[in-house]
Amino acid sequence: GVTTFLLSSSNANLWHGVGGASFIGMALFYGGAMEILAAIMEF
């Protein structure tokens, strides 16, 4: 949800697109790594 919010805020052109810049790190560590961890736990 948080990672999608940042990317989508950039796509919707909120805050003049700055959500896209903050999305980059969040995509790797929170949206990426934490979801992989959650996937392993779901398995």
PDB file of all heavy atoms in Angstrom:
ATOM      1  N   GLY A   1       0.804  -1.225   0.000  1.00  0.00           N
ATOM      2  CA  GLY A   1       0.000   0.000   0.000  1.00  0.00           C
ATOM      3  C   GLY A   1       0.830   1.264   0.000  1.00  0.00           C
ATOM      4  O   GLY A   1       0.562   2.193  -0.766  1.00  0.00           O
ATOM      5  N   VAL A   2       1.856   1.322   0.834  1.00  0.00           N
ATOM      6  CA  VAL A   2       2.690   2.526   0.910  1.00  0.00           C
ATOM      7  C   VAL A   2       3.476   2.717  -0.389  1.00  0.00           C
ATOM      8  O   VAL A   2       3.534   3.823  -0.935  1.00  0.00           O
ATOM      9  CB  VAL A   2       3.633   2.446   2.127  1.00  0.00           C
ATOM     10  CG1 VAL A   2       4.699   3.530   2.081  1.00  0.00           C
ATOM     11  CG2 VAL A   2       2.826   2.549   3.416  1.00  0.00           C
ATOM     12  N   THR A   3       4.068   1.638  -0.888  1.00  0.00           N
ATOM     13  CA  THR A   3       4.853   1.734  -2.118  1.00  0.00           C
ATOM     14  C   THR A   3       3.962   2.108  -3.296  1.00  0.00           C
ATOM     15  O   THR A   3       4.322   2.960  -4.120  1.00  0.00           O
ATOM     16  CB  THR A   3       5.586   0.402  -2.386  1.00  0.00           C
ATOM     17  OG1 THR A   3       6.323   0.053  -1.216  1.00  0.00           O
ATOM     18  CG2 THR A   3       6.525   0.515  -3.566  1.00  0.00           C
ATOM     19  N   THR A   4       2.788   1.509  -3.365  1.00  0.00           N
ATOM     20  CA  THR A   4       1.849   1.820  -4.438  1.00  0.00           C
ATOM     21  C   THR A   4       1.368   3.257  -4.335  1.00  0.00           C
ATOM     22  O   THR A   4       1.195   3.938  -5.350  1.00  0.00           O
ATOM     23  CB  THR A   4       0.657   0.841  -4.411  1.00  0.00           C
ATOM     24  OG1 THR A   4       1.166  -0.485  -4.576  1.00  0.00           O
ATOM     25  CG2 THR A   4      -0.343   1.137  -5.507  1.00  0.00           C
ATOM     26  N   PHE A   5       1.160   3.745  -3.119  1.00  0.00           N
ATOM     27  CA  PHE A   5       0.733   5.124  -2.936  1.00  0.00           C
ATOM     28  C   PHE A   5       1.768   6.092  -3.510  1.00  0.00           C
ATOM     29  O   PHE A   5       1.419   7.040  -4.213  1.00  0.00           O
ATOM     30  CB  PHE A   5       0.487   5.429  -1.453  1.00  0.00           C
ATOM     31  CG  PHE A   5      -0.069   6.809  -1.230  1.00  0.00           C
ATOM     32  CD1 PHE A   5      -1.441   7.020  -1.283  1.00  0.00           C
ATOM     33  CD2 PHE A   5       0.767   7.889  -0.987  1.00  0.00           C
ATOM     34  CE1 PHE A   5      -1.965   8.297  -1.109  1.00  0.00           C
ATOM     35  CE2 PHE A   5       0.249   9.159  -0.810  1.00  0.00           C
ATOM     36  CZ  PHE A   5      -1.115   9.361  -0.868  1.00  0.00           C
ATOM     37  N   LEU A   6       3.041   5.843  -3.228  1.00  0.00           N
ATOM     38  CA  LEU A   6       4.090   6.737  -3.741  1.00  0.00           C
ATOM     39  C   LEU A   6       4.155   6.723  -5.262  1.00  0.00           C
ATOM     40  O   LEU A   6       4.211   7.775  -5.900  1.00  0.00           O
ATOM     41  CB  LEU A   6       5.449   6.359  -3.150  1.00  0.00           C
ATOM     42  CG  LEU A   6       5.623   6.685  -1.676  1.00  0.00           C
ATOM     43  CD1 LEU A   6       6.934   6.113  -1.160  1.00  0.00           C
ATOM     44  CD2 LEU A   6       5.541   8.180  -1.435  1.00  0.00           C
ATOM     45  N   LEU A   7       4.159   5.529  -5.839  1.00  0.00           N
ATOM     46  CA  LEU A   7       4.218   5.435  -7.302  1.00  0.00           C
ATOM     47  C   LEU A   7       2.966   6.040  -7.930  1.00  0.00           C
ATOM     48  O   LEU A   7       3.047   6.797  -8.902  1.00  0.00           O
ATOM     49  CB  LEU A   7       4.372   3.976  -7.747  1.00  0.00           C
ATOM     50  CG  LEU A   7       4.408   3.752  -9.255  1.00  0.00           C
ATOM     51  CD1 LEU A   7       5.543   4.524  -9.907  1.00  0.00           C
ATOM     52  CD2 LEU A   7       4.517   2.264  -9.556  1.00  0.00           C
ATOM     53  N   SER A   8       1.810   5.737  -7.378  1.00  0.00           N
ATOM     54  CA  SER A   8       0.554   6.233  -7.946  1.00  0.00           C
ATOM     55  C   SER A   8       0.420   7.742  -7.793  1.00  0.00           C
ATOM     56  O   SER A   8      -0.140   8.405  -8.666  1.00  0.00           O
ATOM     57  CB  SER A   8      -0.641   5.522  -7.292  1.00  0.00           C
ATOM     58  OG  SER A   8      -0.603   4.146  -7.605  1.00  0.00           O
ATOM     59  N   SER A   9       0.946   8.296  -6.696  1.00  0.00           N
ATOM     60  CA  SER A   9       0.886   9.752  -6.530  1.00  0.00           C
ATOM     61  C   SER A   9       1.708  10.433  -7.621  1.00  0.00           C
ATOM     62  O   SER A   9       1.331  11.493  -8.117  1.00  0.00           O
ATOM     63  CB  SER A   9       1.370  10.170  -5.144  1.00  0.00           C
ATOM     64  OG  SER A   9       2.758   9.992  -4.999  1.00  0.00           O
ATOM     65  N   SER A  10       2.799   9.805  -8.005  1.00  0.00           N
ATOM     66  CA  SER A  10       3.604  10.346  -9.105  1.00  0.00           C
ATOM     67  C   SER A  10       2.845  10.230 -10.427  1.00  0.00           C
ATOM     68  O   SER A  10       2.797  11.174 -11.212  1.00  0.00           O
ATOM     69  CB  SER A  10       4.932   9.599  -9.195  1.00  0.00           C
ATOM     70  OG  SER A  10       5.693  10.089 -10.276  1.00  0.00           O
ATOM     71  N   ASN A  11       2.232   9.069 -10.667  1.00  0.00           N
ATOM     72  CA  ASN A  11       1.459   8.871 -11.900  1.00  0.00           C
ATOM     73  C   ASN A  11       0.266   9.819 -11.985  1.00  0.00           C
ATOM     74  O   ASN A  11      -0.097  10.271 -13.066  1.00  0.00           O
ATOM     75  CB  ASN A  11       0.993   7.421 -12.019  1.00  0.00           C
ATOM     76  CG  ASN A  11       2.128   6.477 -12.335  1.00  0.00           C
ATOM     77  OD1 ASN A  11       3.103   6.846 -12.965  1.00  0.00           O
ATOM     78  ND2 ASN A  11       1.993   5.243 -11.881  1.00  0.00           N
ATOM     79  N   ALA A  12      -0.347  10.112 -10.834  1.00  0.00           N
ATOM     80  CA  ALA A  12      -1.490  11.033 -10.802  1.00  0.00           C
ATOM     81  C   ALA A  12      -1.039  12.487 -10.820  1.00  0.00           C
ATOM     82  O   ALA A  12      -1.853  13.393 -10.848  1.00  0.00           O
ATOM     83  CB  ALA A  12      -2.346  10.771  -9.560  1.00  0.00           C
ATOM     84  N   ASN A  13       0.278  12.696 -10.778  1.00  0.00           N
ATOM     85  CA  ASN A  13       0.908  14.012 -10.797  1.00  0.00           C
ATOM     86  C   ASN A  13       0.585  14.841  -9.547  1.00  0.00           C
ATOM     87  O   ASN A  13       0.459  16.060  -9.611  1.00  0.00           O
ATOM     88  CB  ASN A  13       0.572  14.786 -12.072  1.00  0.00           C
ATOM     89  CG  ASN A  13       1.604  15.866 -12.348  1.00  0.00           C
ATOM     90  OD1 ASN A  13       2.750  15.750 -11.932  1.00  0.00           O
ATOM     91  ND2 ASN A  13       1.188  16.917 -13.027  1.00  0.00           N
ATOM     92  N   LEU A  14       0.474  14.164  -8.406  1.00  0.00           N
ATOM     93  CA  LEU A  14       0.334  14.870  -7.140  1.00  0.00           C
ATOM     94  C   LEU A  14       1.705  15.376  -6.725  1.00  0.00           C
ATOM     95  O   LEU A  14       2.724  14.757  -7.034  1.00  0.00           O
ATOM     96  CB  LEU A  14      -0.196  13.935  -6.060  1.00  0.00           C
ATOM     97  CG  LEU A  14      -1.608  13.389  -6.253  1.00  0.00           C
ATOM     98  CD1 LEU A  14      -1.978  12.502  -5.071  1.00  0.00           C
ATOM     99  CD2 LEU A  14      -2.619  14.510  -6.373  1.00  0.00           C
ATOM    100  N   TRP A  15       1.753  16.464  -6.023  1.00  0.00           N
ATOM    101  CA  TRP A  15       2.995  17.036  -5.499  1.00  0.00           C
ATOM    102  C   TRP A  15       4.035  17.211  -6.602  1.00  0.00           C
ATOM    103  O   TRP A  15       5.225  17.040  -6.376  1.00  0.00           O
ATOM    104  CB  TRP A  15       3.568  16.182  -4.370  1.00  0.00           C
ATOM    105  CG  TRP A  15       2.560  15.843  -3.333  1.00  0.00           C
ATOM    106  CD1 TRP A  15       1.790  16.713  -2.623  1.00  0.00           C
ATOM    107  CD2 TRP A  15       2.164  14.547  -2.915  1.00  0.00           C
ATOM    108  NE1 TRP A  15       0.948  16.033  -1.781  1.00  0.00           N
ATOM    109  CE2 TRP A  15       1.155  14.698  -1.934  1.00  0.00           C
ATOM    110  CE3 TRP A  15       2.553  13.262  -3.255  1.00  0.00           C
ATOM    111  CZ2 TRP A  15       0.546  13.631  -1.303  1.00  0.00           C
ATOM    112  CZ3 TRP A  15       1.936  12.198  -2.616  1.00  0.00           C
ATOM    113  CH2 TRP A  15       0.952  12.384  -1.665  1.00  0.00           C
ATOM    114  N   HIS A  16       3.581  17.505  -7.807  1.00  0.00           N
ATOM    115  CA  HIS A  16       4.453  17.736  -8.964  1.00  0.00           C
ATOM    116  C   HIS A  16       5.377  16.553  -9.237  1.00  0.00           C
ATOM    117  O   HIS A  16       6.515  16.722  -9.660  1.00  0.00           O
ATOM    118  CB  HIS A  16       5.254  19.031  -8.792  1.00  0.00           C
ATOM    119  CG  HIS A  16       4.385  20.207  -8.501  1.00  0.00           C
ATOM    120  ND1 HIS A  16       3.513  20.746  -9.431  1.00  0.00           N
ATOM    121  CD2 HIS A  16       4.212  20.932  -7.373  1.00  0.00           C
ATOM    122  CE1 HIS A  16       2.856  21.751  -8.888  1.00  0.00           C
ATOM    123  NE2 HIS A  16       3.260  21.885  -7.641  1.00  0.00           N
ATOM    124  N   GLY A  17       4.888  15.345  -8.928  1.00  0.00           N
ATOM    125  CA  GLY A  17       5.618  14.129  -9.268  1.00  0.00           C
ATOM    126  C   GLY A  17       6.701  13.709  -8.297  1.00  0.00           C
ATOM    127  O   GLY A  17       7.410  12.741  -8.559  1.00  0.00           O
ATOM    128  N   VAL A  18       6.866  14.394  -7.144  1.00  0.00           N
ATOM    129  CA  VAL A  18       7.955  14.031  -6.238  1.00  0.00           C
ATOM    130  C   VAL A  18       7.777  12.655  -5.611  1.00  0.00           C
ATOM    131  O   VAL A  18       8.735  12.066  -5.116  1.00  0.00           O
ATOM    132  CB  VAL A  18       8.196  15.089  -5.135  1.00  0.00           C
ATOM    133  CG1 VAL A  18       8.624  16.406  -5.736  1.00  0.00           C
ATOM    134  CG2 VAL A  18       6.991  15.244  -4.244  1.00  0.00           C
ATOM    135  N   GLY A  19       6.567  12.119  -5.636  1.00  0.00           N
ATOM    136  CA  GLY A  19       6.354  10.760  -5.131  1.00  0.00           C
ATOM    137  C   GLY A  19       7.174   9.741  -5.898  1.00  0.00           C
ATOM    138  O   GLY A  19       7.584   8.714  -5.357  1.00  0.00           O
ATOM    139  N   GLY A  20       7.440  10.024  -7.172  1.00  0.00           N
ATOM    140  CA  GLY A  20       8.235   9.118  -8.000  1.00  0.00           C
ATOM    141  C   GLY A  20       9.658   8.993  -7.500  1.00  0.00           C
ATOM    142  O   GLY A  20      10.242   7.907  -7.504  1.00  0.00           O
ATOM    143  N   ALA A  21      10.232  10.098  -7.042  1.00  0.00           N
ATOM    144  CA  ALA A  21      11.599  10.065  -6.519  1.00  0.00           C
ATOM    145  C   ALA A  21      11.663   9.283  -5.215  1.00  0.00           C
ATOM    146  O   ALA A  21      12.581   8.486  -4.998  1.00  0.00           O
ATOM    147  CB  ALA A  21      12.117  11.484  -6.312  1.00  0.00           C
ATOM    148  N   SER A  22      10.687   9.478  -4.347  1.00  0.00           N
ATOM    149  CA  SER A  22      10.687   8.748  -3.078  1.00  0.00           C
ATOM    150  C   SER A  22      10.296   7.281  -3.269  1.00  0.00           C
ATOM    151  O   SER A  22      10.595   6.442  -2.431  1.00  0.00           O
ATOM    152  CB  SER A  22       9.765   9.432  -2.067  1.00  0.00           C
ATOM    153  OG  SER A  22       8.458   9.509  -2.559  1.00  0.00           O
ATOM    154  N   PHE A  23       9.681   6.981  -4.395  1.00  0.00           N
ATOM    155  CA  PHE A  23       9.289   5.607  -4.703  1.00  0.00           C
ATOM    156  C   PHE A  23      10.489   4.702  -4.922  1.00  0.00           C
ATOM    157  O   PHE A  23      10.452   3.520  -4.574  1.00  0.00           O
ATOM    158  CB  PHE A  23       8.390   5.608  -5.956  1.00  0.00           C
ATOM    159  CG  PHE A  23       8.264   4.266  -6.618  1.00  0.00           C
ATOM    160  CD1 PHE A  23       7.417   3.312  -6.096  1.00  0.00           C
ATOM    161  CD2 PHE A  23       8.988   3.963  -7.757  1.00  0.00           C
ATOM    162  CE1 PHE A  23       7.291   2.066  -6.694  1.00  0.00           C
ATOM    163  CE2 PHE A  23       8.870   2.731  -8.373  1.00  0.00           C
ATOM    164  CZ  PHE A  23       8.022   1.773  -7.835  1.00  0.00           C
ATOM    165  N   ILE A  24      11.579   5.226  -5.469  1.00  0.00           N
ATOM    166  CA  ILE A  24      12.713   4.402  -5.885  1.00  0.00           C
ATOM    167  C   ILE A  24      13.257   3.552  -4.732  1.00  0.00           C
ATOM    168  O   ILE A  24      13.336   2.333  -4.842  1.00  0.00           O
ATOM    169  CB  ILE A  24      13.838   5.272  -6.502  1.00  0.00           C
ATOM    170  CG1 ILE A  24      13.334   6.048  -7.722  1.00  0.00           C
ATOM    171  CG2 ILE A  24      15.058   4.429  -6.856  1.00  0.00           C
ATOM    172  CD1 ILE A  24      12.877   5.191  -8.868  1.00  0.00           C
ATOM    173  N   GLY A  25      13.634   4.156  -3.635  1.00  0.00           N
ATOM    174  CA  GLY A  25      14.143   3.393  -2.497  1.00  0.00           C
ATOM    175  C   GLY A  25      13.085   2.513  -1.869  1.00  0.00           C
ATOM    176  O   GLY A  25      13.340   1.373  -1.465  1.00  0.00           O
ATOM    177  N   MET A  26      11.877   3.041  -1.793  1.00  0.00           N
ATOM    178  CA  MET A  26      10.774   2.291  -1.203  1.00  0.00           C
ATOM    179  C   MET A  26      10.468   1.038  -2.014  1.00  0.00           C
ATOM    180  O   MET A  26      10.136  -0.010  -1.460  1.00  0.00           O
ATOM    181  CB  MET A  26       9.538   3.191  -1.120  1.00  0.00           C
ATOM    182  CG  MET A  26       8.477   2.700  -0.181  1.00  0.00           C
ATOM    183  SD  MET A  26       8.895   2.821   1.565  1.00  0.00           S
ATOM    184  CE  MET A  26       8.784   4.557   1.847  1.00  0.00           C
ATOM    185  N   ALA A  27      10.603   1.127  -3.333  1.00  0.00           N
ATOM    186  CA  ALA A  27      10.312  -0.020  -4.203  1.00  0.00           C
ATOM    187  C   ALA A  27      11.240  -1.188  -3.906  1.00  0.00           C
ATOM    188  O   ALA A  27      10.818  -2.346  -3.899  1.00  0.00           O
ATOM    189  CB  ALA A  27      10.431   0.386  -5.676  1.00  0.00           C
ATOM    190  N   LEU A  28      12.502  -0.905  -3.649  1.00  0.00           N
ATOM    191  CA  LEU A  28      13.459  -1.976  -3.392  1.00  0.00           C
ATOM    192  C   LEU A  28      13.298  -2.554  -1.989  1.00  0.00           C
ATOM    193  O   LEU A  28      13.190  -3.769  -1.827  1.00  0.00           O
ATOM    194  CB  LEU A  28      14.889  -1.464  -3.577  1.00  0.00           C
ATOM    195  CG  LEU A  28      15.999  -2.483  -3.292  1.00  0.00           C
ATOM    196  CD1 LEU A  28      15.881  -3.680  -4.215  1.00  0.00           C
ATOM    197  CD2 LEU A  28      17.360  -1.826  -3.437  1.00  0.00           C
ATOM    198  N   PHE A  29      13.240  -1.678  -0.991  1.00  0.00           N
ATOM    199  CA  PHE A  29      13.313  -2.165   0.380  1.00  0.00           C
ATOM    200  C   PHE A  29      11.966  -2.499   1.016  1.00  0.00           C
ATOM    201  O   PHE A  29      11.846  -3.520   1.685  1.00  0.00           O
ATOM    202  CB  PHE A  29      14.068  -1.149   1.247  1.00  0.00           C
ATOM    203  CG  PHE A  29      15.500  -1.024   0.832  1.00  0.00           C
ATOM    204  CD1 PHE A  29      15.930   0.091   0.140  1.00  0.00           C
ATOM    205  CD2 PHE A  29      16.400  -2.039   1.097  1.00  0.00           C
ATOM    206  CE1 PHE A  29      17.257   0.201  -0.260  1.00  0.00           C
ATOM    207  CE2 PHE A  29      17.724  -1.941   0.697  1.00  0.00           C
ATOM    208  CZ  PHE A  29      18.154  -0.812   0.022  1.00  0.00           C
ATOM    209  N   TYR A  30      10.969  -1.676   0.826  1.00  0.00           N
ATOM    210  CA  TYR A  30       9.680  -1.929   1.490  1.00  0.00           C
ATOM    211  C   TYR A  30       8.756  -2.725   0.571  1.00  0.00           C
ATOM    212  O   TYR A  30       8.342  -3.825   0.915  1.00  0.00           O
ATOM    213  CB  TYR A  30       9.059  -0.600   1.916  1.00  0.00           C
ATOM    214  CG  TYR A  30       7.983  -0.708   2.983  1.00  0.00           C
ATOM    215  CD1 TYR A  30       8.042  -1.648   3.991  1.00  0.00           C
ATOM    216  CD2 TYR A  30       6.911   0.177   2.978  1.00  0.00           C
ATOM    217  CE1 TYR A  30       7.055  -1.721   4.976  1.00  0.00           C
ATOM    218  CE2 TYR A  30       5.935   0.125   3.965  1.00  0.00           C
ATOM    219  CZ  TYR A  30       6.006  -0.832   4.956  1.00  0.00           C
ATOM    220  OH  TYR A  30       5.028  -0.896   5.918  1.00  0.00           O
ATOM    221  N   GLY A  31       8.462  -2.187  -0.594  1.00  0.00           N
ATOM    222  CA  GLY A  31       7.588  -2.890  -1.536  1.00  0.00           C
ATOM    223  C   GLY A  31       8.212  -4.162  -2.073  1.00  0.00           C
ATOM    224  O   GLY A  31       7.513  -5.128  -2.365  1.00  0.00           O
ATOM    225  N   GLY A  32       9.527  -4.194  -2.189  1.00  0.00           N
ATOM    226  CA  GLY A  32      10.201  -5.374  -2.709  1.00  0.00           C
ATOM    227  C   GLY A  32      10.561  -6.370  -1.627  1.00  0.00           C
ATOM    228  O   GLY A  32       9.961  -7.439  -1.505  1.00  0.00           O
ATOM    229  N   ALA A  33      11.546  -6.030  -0.808  1.00  0.00           N
ATOM    230  CA  ALA A  33      12.081  -6.971   0.185  1.00  0.00           C
ATOM    231  C   ALA A  33      11.048  -7.399   1.225  1.00  0.00           C
ATOM    232  O   ALA A  33      10.954  -8.591   1.556  1.00  0.00           O
ATOM    233  CB  ALA A  33      13.298  -6.353   0.866  1.00  0.00           C
ATOM    234  N   MET A  34      10.267  -6.464   1.743  1.00  0.00           N
ATOM    235  CA  MET A  34       9.300  -6.827   2.786  1.00  0.00           C
ATOM    236  C   MET A  34       8.168  -7.695   2.227  1.00  0.00           C
ATOM    237  O   MET A  34       7.672  -8.586   2.914  1.00  0.00           O
ATOM    238  CB  MET A  34       8.725  -5.586   3.466  1.00  0.00           C
ATOM    239  CG  MET A  34       9.718  -4.874   4.367  1.00  0.00           C
ATOM    240  SD  MET A  34      10.353  -5.911   5.705  1.00  0.00           S
ATOM    241  CE  MET A  34      11.961  -6.364   5.091  1.00  0.00           C
ATOM    242  N   GLU A  35       7.784  -7.462   0.983  1.00  0.00           N
ATOM    243  CA  GLU A  35       6.758  -8.331   0.397  1.00  0.00           C
ATOM    244  C   GLU A  35       7.317  -9.728   0.119  1.00  0.00           C
ATOM    245  O   GLU A  35       6.597 -10.719   0.255  1.00  0.00           O
ATOM    246  CB  GLU A  35       6.178  -7.702  -0.868  1.00  0.00           C
ATOM    247  CG  GLU A  35       5.231  -6.568  -0.543  1.00  0.00           C
ATOM    248  CD  GLU A  35       4.391  -6.165  -1.724  1.00  0.00           C
ATOM    249  OE1 GLU A  35       3.534  -6.961  -2.132  1.00  0.00           O
ATOM    250  OE2 GLU A  35       4.617  -5.053  -2.234  1.00  0.00           O
ATOM    251  N   ILE A  36       8.583  -9.823  -0.259  1.00  0.00           N
ATOM    252  CA  ILE A  36       9.206 -11.140  -0.439  1.00  0.00           C
ATOM    253  C   ILE A  36       9.236 -11.867   0.902  1.00  0.00           C
ATOM    254  O   ILE A  36       8.936 -13.066   0.985  1.00  0.00           O
ATOM    255  CB  ILE A  36      10.627 -11.011  -1.039  1.00  0.00           C
ATOM    256  CG1 ILE A  36      10.570 -10.415  -2.454  1.00  0.00           C
ATOM    257  CG2 ILE A  36      11.347 -12.363  -1.019  1.00  0.00           C
ATOM    258  CD1 ILE A  36       9.873 -11.256  -3.500  1.00  0.00           C
ATOM    259  N   LEU A  37       9.584 -11.157   1.970  1.00  0.00           N
ATOM    260  CA  LEU A  37       9.567 -11.757   3.306  1.00  0.00           C
ATOM    261  C   LEU A  37       8.159 -12.233   3.670  1.00  0.00           C
ATOM    262  O   LEU A  37       7.983 -13.347   4.183  1.00  0.00           O
ATOM    263  CB  LEU A  37      10.077 -10.755   4.344  1.00  0.00           C
ATOM    264  CG  LEU A  37      10.069 -11.225   5.798  1.00  0.00           C
ATOM    265  CD1 LEU A  37      10.974 -12.434   5.975  1.00  0.00           C
ATOM    266  CD2 LEU A  37      10.498 -10.081   6.708  1.00  0.00           C
ATOM    267  N   ALA A  38       7.160 -11.402   3.403  1.00  0.00           N
ATOM    268  CA  ALA A  38       5.771 -11.790   3.672  1.00  0.00           C
ATOM    269  C   ALA A  38       5.380 -13.020   2.840  1.00  0.00           C
ATOM    270  O   ALA A  38       4.676 -13.909   3.330  1.00  0.00           O
ATOM    271  CB  ALA A  38       4.822 -10.629   3.385  1.00  0.00           C
ATOM    272  N   ALA A  39       5.856 -13.091   1.609  1.00  0.00           N
ATOM    273  CA  ALA A  39       5.564 -14.250   0.751  1.00  0.00           C
ATOM    274  C   ALA A  39       6.139 -15.527   1.347  1.00  0.00           C
ATOM    275  O   ALA A  39       5.461 -16.572   1.370  1.00  0.00           O
ATOM    276  CB  ALA A  39       6.126 -14.027  -0.657  1.00  0.00           C
ATOM    277  N   ILE A  40       7.365 -15.464   1.830  1.00  0.00           N
ATOM    278  CA  ILE A  40       7.992 -16.641   2.434  1.00  0.00           C
ATOM    279  C   ILE A  40       7.194 -17.095   3.655  1.00  0.00           C
ATOM    280  O   ILE A  40       6.941 -18.287   3.844  1.00  0.00           O
ATOM    281  CB  ILE A  40       9.463 -16.332   2.804  1.00  0.00           C
ATOM    282  CG1 ILE A  40      10.285 -16.139   1.527  1.00  0.00           C
ATOM    283  CG2 ILE A  40      10.053 -17.439   3.680  1.00  0.00           C
ATOM    284  CD1 ILE A  40      11.650 -15.514   1.754  1.00  0.00           C
ATOM    285  N   MET A  41       6.768 -16.132   4.451  1.00  0.00           N
ATOM    286  CA  MET A  41       5.964 -16.475   5.633  1.00  0.00           C
ATOM    287  C   MET A  41       4.611 -17.069   5.236  1.00  0.00           C
ATOM    288  O   MET A  41       4.118 -17.984   5.886  1.00  0.00           O
ATOM    289  CB  MET A  41       5.792 -15.236   6.508  1.00  0.00           C
ATOM    290  CG  MET A  41       7.105 -14.797   7.155  1.00  0.00           C
ATOM    291  SD  MET A  41       6.979 -13.224   8.025  1.00  0.00           S
ATOM    292  CE  MET A  41       5.860 -13.636   9.349  1.00  0.00           C
ATOM    293  N   GLU A  42       4.021 -16.562   4.154  1.00  0.00           N
ATOM    294  CA  GLU A  42       2.753 -17.137   3.676  1.00  0.00           C
ATOM    295  C   GLU A  42       2.960 -18.573   3.207  1.00  0.00           C
ATOM    296  O   GLU A  42       2.105 -19.429   3.428  1.00  0.00           O
ATOM    297  CB  GLU A  42       2.160 -16.279   2.554  1.00  0.00           C
ATOM    298  CG  GLU A  42       1.627 -14.930   2.991  1.00  0.00           C
ATOM    299  CD  GLU A  42       0.298 -14.989   3.742  1.00  0.00           C
ATOM    300  OE1 GLU A  42      -0.141 -16.076   4.184  1.00  0.00           O
ATOM    301  OE2 GLU A  42      -0.311 -13.915   3.893  1.00  0.00           O
ATOM    302  N   PHE A  43       4.090 -18.859   2.547  1.00  0.00           N
ATOM    303  CA  PHE A  43       4.406 -20.232   2.169  1.00  0.00           C
ATOM    304  C   PHE A  43       4.457 -21.119   3.405  1.00  0.00           C
ATOM    305  O   PHE A  43       3.912 -22.230   3.413  1.00  0.00           O
ATOM    306  CB  PHE A  43       5.747 -20.320   1.424  1.00  0.00           C
ATOM    307  CG  PHE A  43       5.640 -20.120  -0.057  1.00  0.00           C
ATOM    308  CD1 PHE A  43       6.284 -19.053  -0.660  1.00  0.00           C
ATOM    309  CD2 PHE A  43       4.919 -20.994  -0.867  1.00  0.00           C
ATOM    310  CE1 PHE A  43       6.209 -18.854  -2.031  1.00  0.00           C
ATOM    311  CE2 PHE A  43       4.831 -20.805  -2.234  1.00  0.00           C
ATOM    312  CZ  PHE A  43       5.481 -19.736  -2.820  1.00  0.00           C
TER     313      PHE A  43
END
